[in-house]
Amino acid sequence: MELIVSPLITKTLEKLSNSELNHEIRKIAIGEWGGKLGKLYRELYGWGSRNLRKVVTDSGFDEESWDETVEICLKQLNDRKAYDEIHRIWIVKSLENEE
């Protein structure tokens, strides 16, 4: 299973299209060190992690251990100056060959 599909999307689009392909990557800080957006990103990650509790506990992880793990991870996002990469991919279609 490929977890990070951004590079695959770009390669696939390059093969399928003869139009101009653009790919922009932006790094977004996660945690207090990233200012307002970084704090919001950390909250989003926390929300997503907490919502996985049911799936994780159904596979044998106890709720208390999961909650503790989530809190440790959220703290490390800030302490280790974590960031996320946002990929923006777009194609500019050429109108020259249109009939």
C-alpha atoms as a PDB file:
ATOM      1  CA  MET A   1       0.000   0.000   0.000  1.00  0.00           C
ATOM      2  CA  GLU A   2       1.372   3.395  -0.947  1.00  0.00           C
ATOM      3  CA  LEU A   3       0.739   5.872   1.866  1.00  0.00           C
ATOM      4  CA  ILE A   4       2.180   8.962   0.191  1.00  0.00           C
ATOM      5  CA  VAL A   5       0.578   9.268  -3.225  1.00  0.00           C
ATOM      6  CA  SER A   6       1.669  12.795  -4.236  1.00  0.00           C
ATOM      7  CA  PRO A   7       4.740  11.627  -6.212  1.00  0.00           C
ATOM      8  CA  LEU A   8       2.651   8.938  -7.928  1.00  0.00           C
ATOM      9  CA  ILE A   9      -0.039  11.432  -8.918  1.00  0.00           C
ATOM     10  CA  THR A  10       2.546  13.696 -10.526  1.00  0.00           C
ATOM     11  CA  LYS A  11       4.172  10.831 -12.452  1.00  0.00           C
ATOM     12  CA  THR A  12       0.806   9.527 -13.635  1.00  0.00           C
ATOM     13  CA  LEU A  13      -0.376  12.935 -14.794  1.00  0.00           C
ATOM     14  CA  GLU A  14       2.897  13.509 -16.644  1.00  0.00           C
ATOM     15  CA  LYS A  15       2.332  10.267 -18.583  1.00  0.00           C
ATOM     16  CA  LEU A  16      -1.323  10.988 -19.360  1.00  0.00           C
ATOM     17  CA  SER A  17      -1.145  14.634 -20.282  1.00  0.00           C
ATOM     18  CA  ASN A  18       0.773  16.621 -22.846  1.00  0.00           C
ATOM     19  CA  SER A  19      -0.239  19.847 -21.108  1.00  0.00           C
ATOM     20  CA  GLU A  20       1.786  21.912 -18.661  1.00  0.00           C
ATOM     21  CA  LEU A  21       1.992  20.157 -15.284  1.00  0.00           C
ATOM     22  CA  ASN A  22       2.675  22.222 -12.168  1.00  0.00           C
ATOM     23  CA  HIS A  23       3.552  20.859  -8.741  1.00  0.00           C
ATOM     24  CA  GLU A  24       4.084  23.064  -5.723  1.00  0.00           C
ATOM     25  CA  ILE A  25       5.042  21.833  -2.246  1.00  0.00           C
ATOM     26  CA  ARG A  26       4.550  23.885   0.900  1.00  0.00           C
ATOM     27  CA  LYS A  27       5.723  22.922   4.350  1.00  0.00           C
ATOM     28  CA  ILE A  28       3.310  23.726   7.156  1.00  0.00           C
ATOM     29  CA  ALA A  29       4.566  23.746  10.752  1.00  0.00           C
ATOM     30  CA  ILE A  30       2.645  21.613  13.252  1.00  0.00           C
ATOM     31  CA  GLY A  31       2.518  22.893  16.823  1.00  0.00           C
ATOM     32  CA  GLU A  32       3.028  26.074  18.814  1.00  0.00           C
ATOM     33  CA  TRP A  33       6.258  26.843  16.959  1.00  0.00           C
ATOM     34  CA  GLY A  34       4.226  27.296  13.745  1.00  0.00           C
ATOM     35  CA  GLY A  35       2.116  30.189  15.007  1.00  0.00           C
ATOM     36  CA  LYS A  36      -1.653  30.268  14.612  1.00  0.00           C
ATOM     37  CA  LEU A  37      -1.730  27.889  11.633  1.00  0.00           C
ATOM     38  CA  GLY A  38       0.642  25.477  13.388  1.00  0.00           C
ATOM     39  CA  LYS A  39      -1.600  25.411  16.459  1.00  0.00           C
ATOM     40  CA  LEU A  40      -4.646  24.717  14.295  1.00  0.00           C
ATOM     41  CA  TYR A  41      -2.818  21.921  12.504  1.00  0.00           C
ATOM     42  CA  ARG A  42      -1.870  20.352  15.834  1.00  0.00           C
ATOM     43  CA  GLU A  43      -5.513  20.499  16.947  1.00  0.00           C
ATOM     44  CA  LEU A  44      -6.545  18.843  13.685  1.00  0.00           C
ATOM     45  CA  TYR A  45      -4.022  16.036  14.166  1.00  0.00           C
ATOM     46  CA  GLY A  46      -5.225  15.580  17.750  1.00  0.00           C
ATOM     47  CA  TRP A  47      -8.846  15.435  16.652  1.00  0.00           C
ATOM     48  CA  GLY A  48      -8.057  12.848  13.981  1.00  0.00           C
ATOM     49  CA  SER A  49      -5.996  10.721  16.373  1.00  0.00           C
ATOM     50  CA  ARG A  50      -8.672  10.758  19.050  1.00  0.00           C
ATOM     51  CA  ASN A  51     -11.279   9.739  16.478  1.00  0.00           C
ATOM     52  CA  LEU A  52      -9.211   6.661  15.663  1.00  0.00           C
ATOM     53  CA  ARG A  53      -9.664   5.409  19.245  1.00  0.00           C
ATOM     54  CA  LYS A  54     -12.493   2.993  18.338  1.00  0.00           C
ATOM     55  CA  VAL A  55     -10.526   1.395  15.484  1.00  0.00           C
ATOM     56  CA  VAL A  56      -7.391   1.103  17.592  1.00  0.00           C
ATOM     57  CA  THR A  57      -9.128  -0.280  20.677  1.00  0.00           C
ATOM     58  CA  ASP A  58     -11.005  -2.821  18.532  1.00  0.00           C
ATOM     59  CA  SER A  59      -7.607  -4.146  17.448  1.00  0.00           C
ATOM     60  CA  GLY A  60      -6.478  -4.705  21.039  1.00  0.00           C
ATOM     61  CA  PHE A  61      -5.019  -1.365  22.179  1.00  0.00           C
ATOM     62  CA  ASP A  62      -6.574  -0.209  25.447  1.00  0.00           C
ATOM     63  CA  GLU A  63      -8.164   3.264  25.557  1.00  0.00           C
ATOM     64  CA  GLU A  64      -5.924   4.630  28.299  1.00  0.00           C
ATOM     65  CA  SER A  65      -2.750   3.604  26.457  1.00  0.00           C
ATOM     66  CA  TRP A  66      -4.080   5.100  23.217  1.00  0.00           C
ATOM     67  CA  ASP A  67      -4.930   8.425  24.877  1.00  0.00           C
ATOM     68  CA  GLU A  68      -1.467   8.525  26.459  1.00  0.00           C
ATOM     69  CA  THR A  69       0.193   7.728  23.111  1.00  0.00           C
ATOM     70  CA  VAL A  70      -1.783  10.498  21.369  1.00  0.00           C
ATOM     71  CA  GLU A  71      -0.733  13.052  24.005  1.00  0.00           C
ATOM     72  CA  ILE A  72       2.928  12.041  23.707  1.00  0.00           C
ATOM     73  CA  CYS A  73       2.767  12.342  19.920  1.00  0.00           C
ATOM     74  CA  LEU A  74       1.066  15.746  20.053  1.00  0.00           C
ATOM     75  CA  LYS A  75       3.745  17.019  22.428  1.00  0.00           C
ATOM     76  CA  GLN A  76       6.484  15.710  20.131  1.00  0.00           C
ATOM     77  CA  LEU A  77       4.961  17.493  17.133  1.00  0.00           C
ATOM     78  CA  ASN A  78       5.890  20.767  18.816  1.00  0.00           C
ATOM     79  CA  ASP A  79       9.088  19.686  20.555  1.00  0.00           C
ATOM     80  CA  ARG A  80      10.594  18.230  17.386  1.00  0.00           C
ATOM     81  CA  LYS A  81       9.316  21.039  15.142  1.00  0.00           C
ATOM     82  CA  ALA A  82       7.237  18.737  12.965  1.00  0.00           C
ATOM     83  CA  TYR A  83       5.744  19.866   9.689  1.00  0.00           C
ATOM     84  CA  ASP A  84       3.415  18.585   7.015  1.00  0.00           C
ATOM     85  CA  GLU A  85       3.954  18.856   3.278  1.00  0.00           C
ATOM     86  CA  ILE A  86       1.022  20.112   1.255  1.00  0.00           C
ATOM     87  CA  HIS A  87       1.132  19.265  -2.450  1.00  0.00           C
ATOM     88  CA  ARG A  88      -0.721  21.402  -4.958  1.00  0.00           C
ATOM     89  CA  ILE A  89      -0.859  19.890  -8.422  1.00  0.00           C
ATOM     90  CA  TRP A  90      -2.518  21.495 -11.433  1.00  0.00           C
ATOM     91  CA  ILE A  91      -2.445  21.219 -15.202  1.00  0.00           C
ATOM     92  CA  VAL A  92      -2.701  24.094 -17.642  1.00  0.00           C
ATOM     93  CA  LYS A  93      -4.480  22.823 -20.715  1.00  0.00           C
ATOM     94  CA  SER A  94      -3.262  24.093 -24.056  1.00  0.00           C
ATOM     95  CA  LEU A  95      -5.988  25.535 -26.287  1.00  0.00           C
ATOM     96  CA  GLU A  96      -3.829  25.445 -29.440  1.00  0.00           C
ATOM     97  CA  ASN A  97      -4.957  21.984 -30.542  1.00  0.00           C
ATOM     98  CA  GLU A  98      -8.635  22.486 -29.777  1.00  0.00           C
ATOM     99  CA  GLU A  99     -11.064  22.182 -32.691  1.00  0.00           C
END
